[in-house]
PDB file of N, CA and C in Angstrom:
ATOM      1  N   MET A   1      12.873   8.021   3.548  1.00  0.00           N
ATOM      2  CA  MET A   1      11.738   7.133   3.625  1.00  0.00           C
ATOM      3  C   MET A   1      12.182   5.792   4.173  1.00  0.00           C
ATOM      4  N   LYS A   2      11.244   4.886   4.289  1.00  0.00           N
ATOM      5  CA  LYS A   2      11.555   3.635   4.967  1.00  0.00           C
ATOM      6  C   LYS A   2      10.973   2.422   4.261  1.00  0.00           C
ATOM      7  N   LYS A   3      11.162   1.277   4.874  1.00  0.00           N
ATOM      8  CA  LYS A   3      10.722   0.014   4.306  1.00  0.00           C
ATOM      9  C   LYS A   3       9.401  -0.410   4.939  1.00  0.00           C
ATOM     10  N   LEU A   4       8.461  -0.849   4.105  1.00  0.00           N
ATOM     11  CA  LEU A   4       7.189  -1.392   4.568  1.00  0.00           C
ATOM     12  C   LEU A   4       7.302  -2.904   4.547  1.00  0.00           C
ATOM     13  N   ILE A   5       6.970  -3.532   5.654  1.00  0.00           N
ATOM     14  CA  ILE A   5       6.978  -4.989   5.723  1.00  0.00           C
ATOM     15  C   ILE A   5       5.533  -5.467   5.599  1.00  0.00           C
ATOM     16  N   VAL A   6       5.290  -6.327   4.606  1.00  0.00           N
ATOM     17  CA  VAL A   6       3.956  -6.868   4.384  1.00  0.00           C
ATOM     18  C   VAL A   6       3.986  -8.375   4.565  1.00  0.00           C
ATOM     19  N   GLY A   7       2.837  -8.935   4.891  1.00  0.00           N
ATOM     20  CA  GLY A   7       2.734 -10.369   5.101  1.00  0.00           C
ATOM     21  C   GLY A   7       1.545 -10.953   4.368  1.00  0.00           C
ATOM     22  N   ILE A   8       1.551 -12.276   4.259  1.00  0.00           N
ATOM     23  CA  ILE A   8       0.448 -13.019   3.656  1.00  0.00           C
ATOM     24  C   ILE A   8      -0.125 -13.926   4.741  1.00  0.00           C
ATOM     25  N   ALA A   9      -1.423 -13.866   4.933  1.00  0.00           N
ATOM     26  CA  ALA A   9      -2.088 -14.741   5.902  1.00  0.00           C
ATOM     27  C   ALA A   9      -3.540 -14.910   5.493  1.00  0.00           C
ATOM     28  N   SER A  10      -4.140 -15.996   5.914  1.00  0.00           N
ATOM     29  CA  SER A  10      -5.548 -16.227   5.593  1.00  0.00           C
ATOM     30  C   SER A  10      -6.417 -15.227   6.349  1.00  0.00           C
ATOM     31  N   TYR A  11      -7.613 -15.028   5.856  1.00  0.00           N
ATOM     32  CA  TYR A  11      -8.561 -14.122   6.511  1.00  0.00           C
ATOM     33  C   TYR A  11      -8.797 -14.579   7.956  1.00  0.00           C
ATOM     34  N   GLU A  12      -8.934 -15.887   8.159  1.00  0.00           N
ATOM     35  CA  GLU A  12      -9.175 -16.428   9.502  1.00  0.00           C
ATOM     36  C   GLU A  12      -8.007 -16.118  10.440  1.00  0.00           C
ATOM     37  N   ASP A  13      -6.778 -16.311   9.953  1.00  0.00           N
ATOM     38  CA  ASP A  13      -5.604 -16.020  10.772  1.00  0.00           C
ATOM     39  C   ASP A  13      -5.500 -14.533  11.107  1.00  0.00           C
ATOM     40  N   LEU A  14      -5.821 -13.683  10.135  1.00  0.00           N
ATOM     41  CA  LEU A  14      -5.775 -12.231  10.377  1.00  0.00           C
ATOM     42  C   LEU A  14      -6.829 -11.822  11.401  1.00  0.00           C
ATOM     43  N   LYS A  15      -7.997 -12.438  11.319  1.00  0.00           N
ATOM     44  CA  LYS A  15      -9.069 -12.138  12.270  1.00  0.00           C
ATOM     45  C   LYS A  15      -8.649 -12.542  13.686  1.00  0.00           C
ATOM     46  N   LYS A  16      -8.081 -13.742  13.829  1.00  0.00           N
ATOM     47  CA  LYS A  16      -7.608 -14.210  15.140  1.00  0.00           C
ATOM     48  C   LYS A  16      -6.539 -13.274  15.691  1.00  0.00           C
ATOM     49  N   ARG A  17      -5.614 -12.896  14.836  1.00  0.00           N
ATOM     50  CA  ARG A  17      -4.524 -12.007  15.248  1.00  0.00           C
ATOM     51  C   ARG A  17      -5.070 -10.664  15.723  1.00  0.00           C
ATOM     52  N   SER A  18      -6.005 -10.105  14.960  1.00  0.00           N
ATOM     53  CA  SER A  18      -6.601  -8.815  15.321  1.00  0.00           C
ATOM     54  C   SER A  18      -7.328  -8.888  16.655  1.00  0.00           C
ATOM     55  N   LEU A  19      -8.060  -9.986  16.874  1.00  0.00           N
ATOM     56  CA  LEU A  19      -8.781 -10.150  18.146  1.00  0.00           C
ATOM     57  C   LEU A  19      -7.811 -10.262  19.327  1.00  0.00           C
ATOM     58  N   GLU A  20      -6.725 -10.986  19.139  1.00  0.00           N
ATOM     59  CA  GLU A  20      -5.725 -11.127  20.210  1.00  0.00           C
ATOM     60  C   GLU A  20      -5.066  -9.785  20.530  1.00  0.00           C
ATOM     61  N   ILE A  21      -4.819  -8.992  19.502  1.00  0.00           N
ATOM     62  CA  ILE A  21      -4.242  -7.660  19.704  1.00  0.00           C
ATOM     63  C   ILE A  21      -5.248  -6.778  20.448  1.00  0.00           C
ATOM     64  N   ALA A  22      -6.518  -6.819  20.007  1.00  0.00           N
ATOM     65  CA  ALA A  22      -7.562  -5.997  20.632  1.00  0.00           C
ATOM     66  C   ALA A  22      -7.778  -6.376  22.097  1.00  0.00           C
ATOM     67  N   LYS A  23      -7.659  -7.654  22.428  1.00  0.00           N
ATOM     68  CA  LYS A  23      -7.828  -8.120  23.805  1.00  0.00           C
ATOM     69  C   LYS A  23      -6.615  -7.816  24.677  1.00  0.00           C
ATOM     70  N   GLY A  24      -5.514  -7.447  24.031  1.00  0.00           N
ATOM     71  CA  GLY A  24      -4.293  -7.184  24.777  1.00  0.00           C
ATOM     72  C   GLY A  24      -3.470  -8.430  25.047  1.00  0.00           C
ATOM     73  N   ASN A  25      -3.839  -9.539  24.411  1.00  0.00           N
ATOM     74  CA  ASN A  25      -3.119 -10.802  24.598  1.00  0.00           C
ATOM     75  C   ASN A  25      -1.877 -10.914  23.719  1.00  0.00           C
ATOM     76  N   TYR A  26      -1.800 -10.060  22.721  1.00  0.00           N
ATOM     77  CA  TYR A  26      -0.656 -10.113  21.810  1.00  0.00           C
ATOM     78  C   TYR A  26      -0.269  -8.709  21.392  1.00  0.00           C
ATOM     79  N   GLN A  27       1.015  -8.455  21.421  1.00  0.00           N
ATOM     80  CA  GLN A  27       1.524  -7.169  20.942  1.00  0.00           C
ATOM     81  C   GLN A  27       2.488  -7.446  19.791  1.00  0.00           C
ATOM     82  N   PRO A  28       2.208  -6.859  18.613  1.00  0.00           N
ATOM     83  CA  PRO A  28       3.090  -7.098  17.464  1.00  0.00           C
ATOM     84  C   PRO A  28       4.536  -6.725  17.785  1.00  0.00           C
ATOM     85  N   LYS A  29       5.443  -7.578  17.309  1.00  0.00           N
ATOM     86  CA  LYS A  29       6.866  -7.360  17.561  1.00  0.00           C
ATOM     87  C   LYS A  29       7.481  -6.521  16.447  1.00  0.00           C
ATOM     88  N   ARG A  30       8.584  -5.910  16.780  1.00  0.00           N
ATOM     89  CA  ARG A  30       9.331  -5.128  15.792  1.00  0.00           C
ATOM     90  C   ARG A  30       9.725  -6.045  14.631  1.00  0.00           C
ATOM     91  N   GLY A  31       9.540  -5.567  13.422  1.00  0.00           N
ATOM     92  CA  GLY A  31       9.897  -6.355  12.253  1.00  0.00           C
ATOM     93  C   GLY A  31       8.764  -7.197  11.700  1.00  0.00           C
ATOM     94  N   GLU A  32       7.631  -7.253  12.419  1.00  0.00           N
ATOM     95  CA  GLU A  32       6.478  -7.982  11.901  1.00  0.00           C
ATOM     96  C   GLU A  32       5.780  -7.135  10.840  1.00  0.00           C
ATOM     97  N   PRO A  33       5.085  -7.779   9.932  1.00  0.00           N
ATOM     98  CA  PRO A  33       4.362  -7.021   8.902  1.00  0.00           C
ATOM     99  C   PRO A  33       3.368  -6.025   9.507  1.00  0.00           C
ATOM    100  N   LYS A  34       3.270  -4.881   8.850  1.00  0.00           N
ATOM    101  CA  LYS A  34       2.299  -3.864   9.248  1.00  0.00           C
ATOM    102  C   LYS A  34       1.081  -3.918   8.333  1.00  0.00           C
ATOM    103  N   VAL A  35       1.268  -4.435   7.131  1.00  0.00           N
ATOM    104  CA  VAL A  35       0.201  -4.561   6.149  1.00  0.00           C
ATOM    105  C   VAL A  35       0.094  -6.032   5.775  1.00  0.00           C
ATOM    106  N   TRP A  36      -1.145  -6.499   5.670  1.00  0.00           N
ATOM    107  CA  TRP A  36      -1.378  -7.910   5.370  1.00  0.00           C
ATOM    108  C   TRP A  36      -2.220  -8.073   4.115  1.00  0.00           C
ATOM    109  N   PHE A  37      -1.923  -9.110   3.358  1.00  0.00           N
ATOM    110  CA  PHE A  37      -2.707  -9.512   2.198  1.00  0.00           C
ATOM    111  C   PHE A  37      -3.174 -10.939   2.449  1.00  0.00           C
ATOM    112  N   THR A  38      -4.314 -11.299   1.878  1.00  0.00           N
ATOM    113  CA  THR A  38      -4.836 -12.645   2.098  1.00  0.00           C
ATOM    114  C   THR A  38      -4.345 -13.656   1.060  1.00  0.00           C
ATOM    115  N   SER A  39      -3.616 -13.169   0.044  1.00  0.00           N
ATOM    116  CA  SER A  39      -3.059 -14.092  -0.955  1.00  0.00           C
ATOM    117  C   SER A  39      -1.901 -13.424  -1.682  1.00  0.00           C
ATOM    118  N   ILE A  40      -1.081 -14.247  -2.284  1.00  0.00           N
ATOM    119  CA  ILE A  40       0.012 -13.740  -3.100  1.00  0.00           C
ATOM    120  C   ILE A  40      -0.563 -13.001  -4.304  1.00  0.00           C
ATOM    121  N   GLU A  41      -1.689 -13.499  -4.810  1.00  0.00           N
ATOM    122  CA  GLU A  41      -2.316 -12.868  -5.975  1.00  0.00           C
ATOM    123  C   GLU A  41      -2.771 -11.439  -5.662  1.00  0.00           C
ATOM    124  N   SER A  42      -3.355 -11.238  -4.491  1.00  0.00           N
ATOM    125  CA  SER A  42      -3.800  -9.880  -4.141  1.00  0.00           C
ATOM    126  C   SER A  42      -2.604  -8.957  -3.940  1.00  0.00           C
ATOM    127  N   PHE A  43      -1.536  -9.477  -3.374  1.00  0.00           N
ATOM    128  CA  PHE A  43      -0.296  -8.705  -3.221  1.00  0.00           C
ATOM    129  C   PHE A  43       0.242  -8.312  -4.602  1.00  0.00           C
ATOM    130  N   ALA A  44       0.273  -9.285  -5.518  1.00  0.00           N
ATOM    131  CA  ALA A  44       0.809  -9.046  -6.865  1.00  0.00           C
ATOM    132  C   ALA A  44      -0.040  -8.044  -7.642  1.00  0.00           C
ATOM    133  N   LYS A  45      -1.352  -8.030  -7.394  1.00  0.00           N
ATOM    134  CA  LYS A  45      -2.230  -7.068  -8.071  1.00  0.00           C
ATOM    135  C   LYS A  45      -1.923  -5.644  -7.626  1.00  0.00           C
ATOM    136  N   VAL A  46      -1.796  -5.459  -6.329  1.00  0.00           N
ATOM    137  CA  VAL A  46      -1.559  -4.110  -5.796  1.00  0.00           C
ATOM    138  C   VAL A  46      -0.155  -3.634  -6.153  1.00  0.00           C
ATOM    139  N   LEU A  47       0.810  -4.530  -6.131  1.00  0.00           N
ATOM    140  CA  LEU A  47       2.187  -4.156  -6.454  1.00  0.00           C
ATOM    141  C   LEU A  47       2.624  -4.743  -7.795  1.00  0.00           C
ATOM    142  N   SER A  48       1.781  -4.539  -8.788  1.00  0.00           N
ATOM    143  CA  SER A  48       2.116  -4.965 -10.144  1.00  0.00           C
ATOM    144  C   SER A  48       3.256  -4.081 -10.670  1.00  0.00           C
ATOM    145  N   LYS A  49       3.846  -4.488 -11.772  1.00  0.00           N
ATOM    146  CA  LYS A  49       4.930  -3.703 -12.373  1.00  0.00           C
ATOM    147  C   LYS A  49       4.460  -2.279 -12.676  1.00  0.00           C
ATOM    148  N   LYS A  50       3.255  -2.163 -13.209  1.00  0.00           N
ATOM    149  CA  LYS A  50       2.691  -0.858 -13.555  1.00  0.00           C
ATOM    150  C   LYS A  50       2.513   0.024 -12.296  1.00  0.00           C
ATOM    151  N   ASN A  51       2.076  -0.590 -11.198  1.00  0.00           N
ATOM    152  CA  ASN A  51       1.876   0.178  -9.968  1.00  0.00           C
ATOM    153  C   ASN A  51       3.192   0.522  -9.284  1.00  0.00           C
ATOM    154  N   ILE A  52       4.190  -0.325  -9.424  1.00  0.00           N
ATOM    155  CA  ILE A  52       5.523   0.004  -8.890  1.00  0.00           C
ATOM    156  C   ILE A  52       6.085   1.196  -9.649  1.00  0.00           C
ATOM    157  N   GLU A  53       5.884   1.217 -10.961  1.00  0.00           N
ATOM    158  CA  GLU A  53       6.309   2.378 -11.758  1.00  0.00           C
ATOM    159  C   GLU A  53       5.599   3.645 -11.286  1.00  0.00           C
ATOM    160  N   LEU A  54       4.325   3.513 -10.963  1.00  0.00           N
ATOM    161  CA  LEU A  54       3.555   4.649 -10.461  1.00  0.00           C
ATOM    162  C   LEU A  54       4.125   5.147  -9.134  1.00  0.00           C
ATOM    163  N   LEU A  55       4.467   4.234  -8.237  1.00  0.00           N
ATOM    164  CA  LEU A  55       5.083   4.613  -6.961  1.00  0.00           C
ATOM    165  C   LEU A  55       6.413   5.331  -7.183  1.00  0.00           C
ATOM    166  N   ASN A  56       7.182   4.863  -8.148  1.00  0.00           N
ATOM    167  CA  ASN A  56       8.453   5.519  -8.467  1.00  0.00           C
ATOM    168  C   ASN A  56       8.239   6.937  -8.990  1.00  0.00           C
ATOM    169  N   ILE A  57       7.223   7.123  -9.821  1.00  0.00           N
ATOM    170  CA  ILE A  57       6.917   8.456 -10.342  1.00  0.00           C
ATOM    171  C   ILE A  57       6.527   9.387  -9.193  1.00  0.00           C
ATOM    172  N   ILE A  58       5.687   8.891  -8.290  1.00  0.00           N
ATOM    173  CA  ILE A  58       5.272   9.705  -7.138  1.00  0.00           C
ATOM    174  C   ILE A  58       6.486  10.085  -6.302  1.00  0.00           C
ATOM    175  N   SER A  59       7.351   9.123  -6.049  1.00  0.00           N
ATOM    176  CA  SER A  59       8.536   9.355  -5.219  1.00  0.00           C
ATOM    177  C   SER A  59       9.512  10.331  -5.881  1.00  0.00           C
ATOM    178  N   GLU A  60       9.774  10.142  -7.156  1.00  0.00           N
ATOM    179  CA  GLU A  60      10.770  10.959  -7.857  1.00  0.00           C
ATOM    180  C   GLU A  60      10.278  12.356  -8.219  1.00  0.00           C
ATOM    181  N   HIS A  61       9.021  12.457  -8.672  1.00  0.00           N
ATOM    182  CA  HIS A  61       8.519  13.729  -9.197  1.00  0.00           C
ATOM    183  C   HIS A  61       7.672  14.521  -8.204  1.00  0.00           C
ATOM    184  N   GLN A  62       7.179  13.850  -7.175  1.00  0.00           N
ATOM    185  CA  GLN A  62       6.334  14.482  -6.164  1.00  0.00           C
ATOM    186  C   GLN A  62       5.264  15.374  -6.800  1.00  0.00           C
ATOM    187  N   PRO A  63       4.375  14.777  -7.597  1.00  0.00           N
ATOM    188  CA  PRO A  63       3.350  15.563  -8.293  1.00  0.00           C
ATOM    189  C   PRO A  63       2.447  16.301  -7.301  1.00  0.00           C
ATOM    190  N   GLU A  64       1.974  17.455  -7.727  1.00  0.00           N
ATOM    191  CA  GLU A  64       1.171  18.300  -6.855  1.00  0.00           C
ATOM    192  C   GLU A  64      -0.317  18.011  -6.935  1.00  0.00           C
ATOM    193  N   SER A  65      -0.697  17.034  -7.752  1.00  0.00           N
ATOM    194  CA  SER A  65      -2.104  16.662  -7.860  1.00  0.00           C
ATOM    195  C   SER A  65      -2.222  15.337  -8.615  1.00  0.00           C
ATOM    196  N   ILE A  66      -3.413  14.765  -8.555  1.00  0.00           N
ATOM    197  CA  ILE A  66      -3.670  13.545  -9.315  1.00  0.00           C
ATOM    198  C   ILE A  66      -3.643  13.861 -10.815  1.00  0.00           C
ATOM    199  N   THR A  67      -4.078  15.054 -11.177  1.00  0.00           N
ATOM    200  CA  THR A  67      -4.027  15.474 -12.582  1.00  0.00           C
ATOM    201  C   THR A  67      -2.585  15.499 -13.083  1.00  0.00           C
ATOM    202  N   ALA A  68      -1.687  16.051 -12.273  1.00  0.00           N
ATOM    203  CA  ALA A  68      -0.267  16.088 -12.651  1.00  0.00           C
ATOM    204  C   ALA A  68       0.298  14.674 -12.746  1.00  0.00           C
ATOM    205  N   LEU A  69      -0.096  13.807 -11.819  1.00  0.00           N
ATOM    206  CA  LEU A  69       0.360  12.420 -11.845  1.00  0.00           C
ATOM    207  C   LEU A  69      -0.189  11.703 -13.077  1.00  0.00           C
ATOM    208  N   SER A  70      -1.404  12.007 -13.453  1.00  0.00           N
ATOM    209  CA  SER A  70      -2.003  11.425 -14.648  1.00  0.00           C
ATOM    210  C   SER A  70      -1.170  11.791 -15.877  1.00  0.00           C
ATOM    211  N   TYR A  71      -0.777  13.037 -15.958  1.00  0.00           N
ATOM    212  CA  TYR A  71       0.049  13.507 -17.066  1.00  0.00           C
ATOM    213  C   TYR A  71       1.413  12.802 -17.068  1.00  0.00           C
ATOM    214  N   LEU A  72       2.052  12.723 -15.893  1.00  0.00           N
ATOM    215  CA  LEU A  72       3.380  12.109 -15.791  1.00  0.00           C
ATOM    216  C   LEU A  72       3.355  10.610 -16.107  1.00  0.00           C
ATOM    217  N   SER A  73       2.284   9.944 -15.680  1.00  0.00           N
ATOM    218  CA  SER A  73       2.223   8.487 -15.826  1.00  0.00           C
ATOM    219  C   SER A  73       1.571   8.037 -17.125  1.00  0.00           C
ATOM    220  N   GLY A  74       0.822   8.940 -17.772  1.00  0.00           N
ATOM    221  CA  GLY A  74       0.111   8.558 -18.983  1.00  0.00           C
ATOM    222  C   GLY A  74      -1.127   7.727 -18.696  1.00  0.00           C
ATOM    223  N   ARG A  75      -1.567   7.718 -17.448  1.00  0.00           N
ATOM    224  CA  ARG A  75      -2.742   6.942 -17.066  1.00  0.00           C
ATOM    225  C   ARG A  75      -3.955   7.855 -16.937  1.00  0.00           C
ATOM    226  N   LYS A  76      -5.135   7.323 -17.246  1.00  0.00           N
ATOM    227  CA  LYS A  76      -6.369   8.096 -17.152  1.00  0.00           C
ATOM    228  C   LYS A  76      -6.661   8.412 -15.688  1.00  0.00           C
ATOM    229  N   LYS A  77      -7.155   9.605 -15.471  1.00  0.00           N
ATOM    230  CA  LYS A  77      -7.376  10.104 -14.114  1.00  0.00           C
ATOM    231  C   LYS A  77      -8.342   9.221 -13.307  1.00  0.00           C
ATOM    232  N   ALA A  78      -9.409   8.745 -13.915  1.00  0.00           N
ATOM    233  CA  ALA A  78     -10.405   7.943 -13.201  1.00  0.00           C
ATOM    234  C   ALA A  78      -9.814   6.624 -12.695  1.00  0.00           C
ATOM    235  N   SER A  79      -9.138   5.894 -13.565  1.00  0.00           N
ATOM    236  CA  SER A  79      -8.548   4.622 -13.138  1.00  0.00           C
ATOM    237  C   SER A  79      -7.369   4.862 -12.197  1.00  0.00           C
ATOM    238  N   LEU A  80      -6.642   5.935 -12.417  1.00  0.00           N
ATOM    239  CA  LEU A  80      -5.528   6.304 -11.551  1.00  0.00           C
ATOM    240  C   LEU A  80      -6.029   6.581 -10.139  1.00  0.00           C
ATOM    241  N   SER A  81      -7.129   7.269 -10.032  1.00  0.00           N
ATOM    242  CA  SER A  81      -7.716   7.594  -8.739  1.00  0.00           C
ATOM    243  C   SER A  81      -8.095   6.321  -7.979  1.00  0.00           C
ATOM    244  N   ARG A  82      -8.690   5.353  -8.667  1.00  0.00           N
ATOM    245  CA  ARG A  82      -9.039   4.078  -8.027  1.00  0.00           C
ATOM    246  C   ARG A  82      -7.791   3.341  -7.552  1.00  0.00           C
ATOM    247  N   THR A  83      -6.767   3.330  -8.385  1.00  0.00           N
ATOM    248  CA  THR A  83      -5.508   2.664  -8.019  1.00  0.00           C
ATOM    249  C   THR A  83      -4.890   3.313  -6.787  1.00  0.00           C
ATOM    250  N   LEU A  84      -4.888   4.642  -6.755  1.00  0.00           N
ATOM    251  CA  LEU A  84      -4.305   5.362  -5.618  1.00  0.00           C
ATOM    252  C   LEU A  84      -5.071   5.092  -4.325  1.00  0.00           C
ATOM    253  N   LYS A  85      -6.385   4.995  -4.415  1.00  0.00           N
ATOM    254  CA  LYS A  85      -7.185   4.697  -3.219  1.00  0.00           C
ATOM    255  C   LYS A  85      -6.880   3.299  -2.700  1.00  0.00           C
ATOM    256  N   THR A  86      -6.684   2.350  -3.616  1.00  0.00           N
ATOM    257  CA  THR A  86      -6.314   0.990  -3.221  1.00  0.00           C
ATOM    258  C   THR A  86      -4.942   0.998  -2.551  1.00  0.00           C
ATOM    259  N   MET A  87      -4.001   1.727  -3.130  1.00  0.00           N
ATOM    260  CA  MET A  87      -2.655   1.818  -2.546  1.00  0.00           C
ATOM    261  C   MET A  87      -2.701   2.482  -1.165  1.00  0.00           C
ATOM    262  N   GLN A  88      -3.539   3.482  -1.024  1.00  0.00           N
ATOM    263  CA  GLN A  88      -3.672   4.146   0.274  1.00  0.00           C
ATOM    264  C   GLN A  88      -4.272   3.177   1.296  1.00  0.00           C
ATOM    265  N   ARG A  89      -5.275   2.411   0.891  1.00  0.00           N
ATOM    266  CA  ARG A  89      -5.911   1.446   1.788  1.00  0.00           C
ATOM    267  C   ARG A  89      -4.905   0.406   2.298  1.00  0.00           C
ATOM    268  N   HIS A  90      -3.908   0.103   1.468  1.00  0.00           N
ATOM    269  CA  HIS A  90      -2.883  -0.861   1.860  1.00  0.00           C
ATOM    270  C   HIS A  90      -1.668  -0.193   2.511  1.00  0.00           C
ATOM    271  N   GLY A  91      -1.740   1.099   2.732  1.00  0.00           N
ATOM    272  CA  GLY A  91      -0.672   1.792   3.443  1.00  0.00           C
ATOM    273  C   GLY A  91       0.562   2.099   2.612  1.00  0.00           C
ATOM    274  N   LEU A  92       0.453   2.040   1.288  1.00  0.00           N
ATOM    275  CA  LEU A  92       1.614   2.281   0.430  1.00  0.00           C
ATOM    276  C   LEU A  92       1.847   3.759   0.146  1.00  0.00           C
ATOM    277  N   ILE A  93       0.764   4.531   0.132  1.00  0.00           N
ATOM    278  CA  ILE A  93       0.863   5.971  -0.127  1.00  0.00           C
ATOM    279  C   ILE A  93      -0.068   6.707   0.826  1.00  0.00           C
ATOM    280  N   ARG A  94       0.063   8.019   0.827  1.00  0.00           N
ATOM    281  CA  ARG A  94      -0.846   8.893   1.579  1.00  0.00           C
ATOM    282  C   ARG A  94      -1.412   9.890   0.586  1.00  0.00           C
ATOM    283  N   LEU A  95      -2.734  10.092   0.630  1.00  0.00           N
ATOM    284  CA  LEU A  95      -3.382  11.076  -0.214  1.00  0.00           C
ATOM    285  C   LEU A  95      -3.785  12.253   0.664  1.00  0.00           C
ATOM    286  N   GLU A  96      -3.244  13.404   0.347  1.00  0.00           N
ATOM    287  CA  GLU A  96      -3.482  14.602   1.154  1.00  0.00           C
ATOM    288  C   GLU A  96      -4.443  15.536   0.426  1.00  0.00           C
ATOM    289  N   LYS A  97      -5.570  15.827   1.078  1.00  0.00           N
ATOM    290  CA  LYS A  97      -6.532  16.764   0.492  1.00  0.00           C
ATOM    291  C   LYS A  97      -6.075  18.183   0.774  1.00  0.00           C
ATOM    292  N   GLN A  98      -6.101  18.997  -0.270  1.00  0.00           N
ATOM    293  CA  GLN A  98      -5.718  20.398  -0.135  1.00  0.00           C
ATOM    294  C   GLN A  98      -6.845  21.286  -0.647  1.00  0.00           C
ATOM    295  N   GLU A  99      -6.574  22.572  -0.726  1.00  0.00           N
ATOM    296  CA  GLU A  99      -7.610  23.511  -1.156  1.00  0.00           C
ATOM    297  C   GLU A  99      -8.124  23.175  -2.551  1.00  0.00           C
ATOM    298  N   ARG A 100      -9.362  23.594  -2.793  1.00  0.00           N
ATOM    299  CA  ARG A 100     -10.039  23.422  -4.093  1.00  0.00           C
ATOM    300  C   ARG A 100     -10.124  21.971  -4.543  1.00  0.00           C
ATOM    301  N   GLN A 101     -10.375  21.080  -3.623  1.00  0.00           N
ATOM    302  CA  GLN A 101     -10.572  19.656  -3.938  1.00  0.00           C
ATOM    303  C   GLN A 101      -9.333  18.967  -4.520  1.00  0.00           C
ATOM    304  N   ARG A 102      -8.176  19.603  -4.421  1.00  0.00           N
ATOM    305  CA  ARG A 102      -6.944  19.025  -4.977  1.00  0.00           C
ATOM    306  C   ARG A 102      -6.422  17.952  -4.023  1.00  0.00           C
ATOM    307  N   ILE A 103      -6.047  16.828  -4.578  1.00  0.00           N
ATOM    308  CA  ILE A 103      -5.502  15.717  -3.792  1.00  0.00           C
ATOM    309  C   ILE A 103      -4.071  15.466  -4.243  1.00  0.00           C
ATOM    310  N   VAL A 104      -3.156  15.460  -3.268  1.00  0.00           N
ATOM    311  CA  VAL A 104      -1.732  15.284  -3.557  1.00  0.00           C
ATOM    312  C   VAL A 104      -1.294  13.899  -3.073  1.00  0.00           C
ATOM    313  N   PRO A 105      -0.756  13.063  -3.984  1.00  0.00           N
ATOM    314  CA  PRO A 105      -0.248  11.751  -3.568  1.00  0.00           C
ATOM    315  C   PRO A 105       1.174  11.865  -3.008  1.00  0.00           C
ATOM    316  N   HIS A 106       1.431  11.140  -1.915  1.00  0.00           N
ATOM    317  CA  HIS A 106       2.760  11.124  -1.298  1.00  0.00           C
ATOM    318  C   HIS A 106       3.226   9.680  -1.140  1.00  0.00           C
ATOM    319  N   ALA A 107       4.431   9.405  -1.588  1.00  0.00           N
ATOM    320  CA  ALA A 107       5.039   8.094  -1.372  1.00  0.00           C
ATOM    321  C   ALA A 107       5.537   8.048   0.069  1.00  0.00           C
ATOM    322  N   ILE A 108       5.295   6.947   0.745  1.00  0.00           N
ATOM    323  CA  ILE A 108       5.696   6.813   2.143  1.00  0.00           C
ATOM    324  C   ILE A 108       6.935   5.930   2.274  1.00  0.00           C
ATOM    325  N   TYR A 109       7.016   4.919   1.424  1.00  0.00           N
ATOM    326  CA  TYR A 109       8.093   3.929   1.529  1.00  0.00           C
ATOM    327  C   TYR A 109       8.936   3.882   0.266  1.00  0.00           C
ATOM    328  N   THR A 110      10.197   3.512   0.431  1.00  0.00           N
ATOM    329  CA  THR A 110      11.072   3.308  -0.717  1.00  0.00           C
ATOM    330  C   THR A 110      11.249   1.824  -1.020  1.00  0.00           C
ATOM    331  N   ASP A 111      10.932   0.976  -0.048  1.00  0.00           N
ATOM    332  CA  ASP A 111      11.093  -0.467  -0.215  1.00  0.00           C
ATOM    333  C   ASP A 111       9.914  -1.201   0.407  1.00  0.00           C
ATOM    334  N   VAL A 112       9.606  -2.355  -0.159  1.00  0.00           N
ATOM    335  CA  VAL A 112       8.586  -3.234   0.402  1.00  0.00           C
ATOM    336  C   VAL A 112       9.219  -4.607   0.560  1.00  0.00           C
ATOM    337  N   GLU A 113       9.077  -5.164   1.746  1.00  0.00           N
ATOM    338  CA  GLU A 113       9.596  -6.503   2.029  1.00  0.00           C
ATOM    339  C   GLU A 113       8.420  -7.426   2.296  1.00  0.00           C
ATOM    340  N   LEU A 114       8.368  -8.556   1.593  1.00  0.00           N
ATOM    341  CA  LEU A 114       7.291  -9.524   1.760  1.00  0.00           C
ATOM    342  C   LEU A 114       7.776 -10.656   2.660  1.00  0.00           C
ATOM    343  N   LYS A 115       7.024 -10.892   3.738  1.00  0.00           N
ATOM    344  CA  LYS A 115       7.286 -12.046   4.608  1.00  0.00           C
ATOM    345  C   LYS A 115       6.232 -13.085   4.259  1.00  0.00           C
ATOM    346  N   LEU A 116       6.697 -14.212   3.744  1.00  0.00           N
ATOM    347  CA  LEU A 116       5.797 -15.239   3.251  1.00  0.00           C
ATOM    348  C   LEU A 116       6.032 -16.560   3.979  1.00  0.00           C
ATOM    349  N   PRO A 117       5.114 -16.943   4.841  1.00  0.00           N
ATOM    350  CA  PRO A 117       5.261 -18.252   5.498  1.00  0.00           C
ATOM    351  C   PRO A 117       4.996 -19.357   4.472  1.00  0.00           C
ATOM    352  N   LEU A 118       5.801 -20.379   4.474  1.00  0.00           N
ATOM    353  CA  LEU A 118       5.703 -21.427   3.450  1.00  0.00           C
ATOM    354  C   LEU A 118       4.437 -22.256   3.551  1.00  0.00           C
ATOM    355  N   HIS A 119       3.818 -22.315   4.727  1.00  0.00           N
ATOM    356  CA  HIS A 119       2.607 -23.130   4.848  1.00  0.00           C
ATOM    357  C   HIS A 119       1.414 -22.498   4.126  1.00  0.00           C
ATOM    358  N   VAL A 120       1.505 -21.240   3.684  1.00  0.00           N
ATOM    359  CA  VAL A 120       0.419 -20.568   2.982  1.00  0.00           C
ATOM    360  C   VAL A 120       0.438 -20.931   1.509  1.00  0.00           C
ATOM    361  N   VAL A 121       1.607 -21.169   0.958  1.00  0.00           N
ATOM    362  CA  VAL A 121       1.764 -21.387  -0.489  1.00  0.00           C
ATOM    363  C   VAL A 121       1.083 -22.649  -0.949  1.00  0.00           C
TER     364      VAL A 121
END
């Protein structure tokens, strides 16, 4: 697995960046963040201690369903499902749909690196 680089930027800055990329005026460079958060608080919520433990369980045990992950983590399936969808939206995991409505969580990264410009703090 690999390292995910995340960044913190204001909504306005992210919008400008996206428009420049879409226009072809800017091409992201190697090593730039692939996932962005609009605040340190939102980053900390998604990668809380409890959620990092969840990522470790997914990586180490490779559960075959959300039900199995619920059992391994001791977390309720409903709240676990919401957490996993949030993690997927931020590019931290992949949820694979399989037969009979079964969803398998997959860890994509082993490390997360935060790039934090000081002018945001």
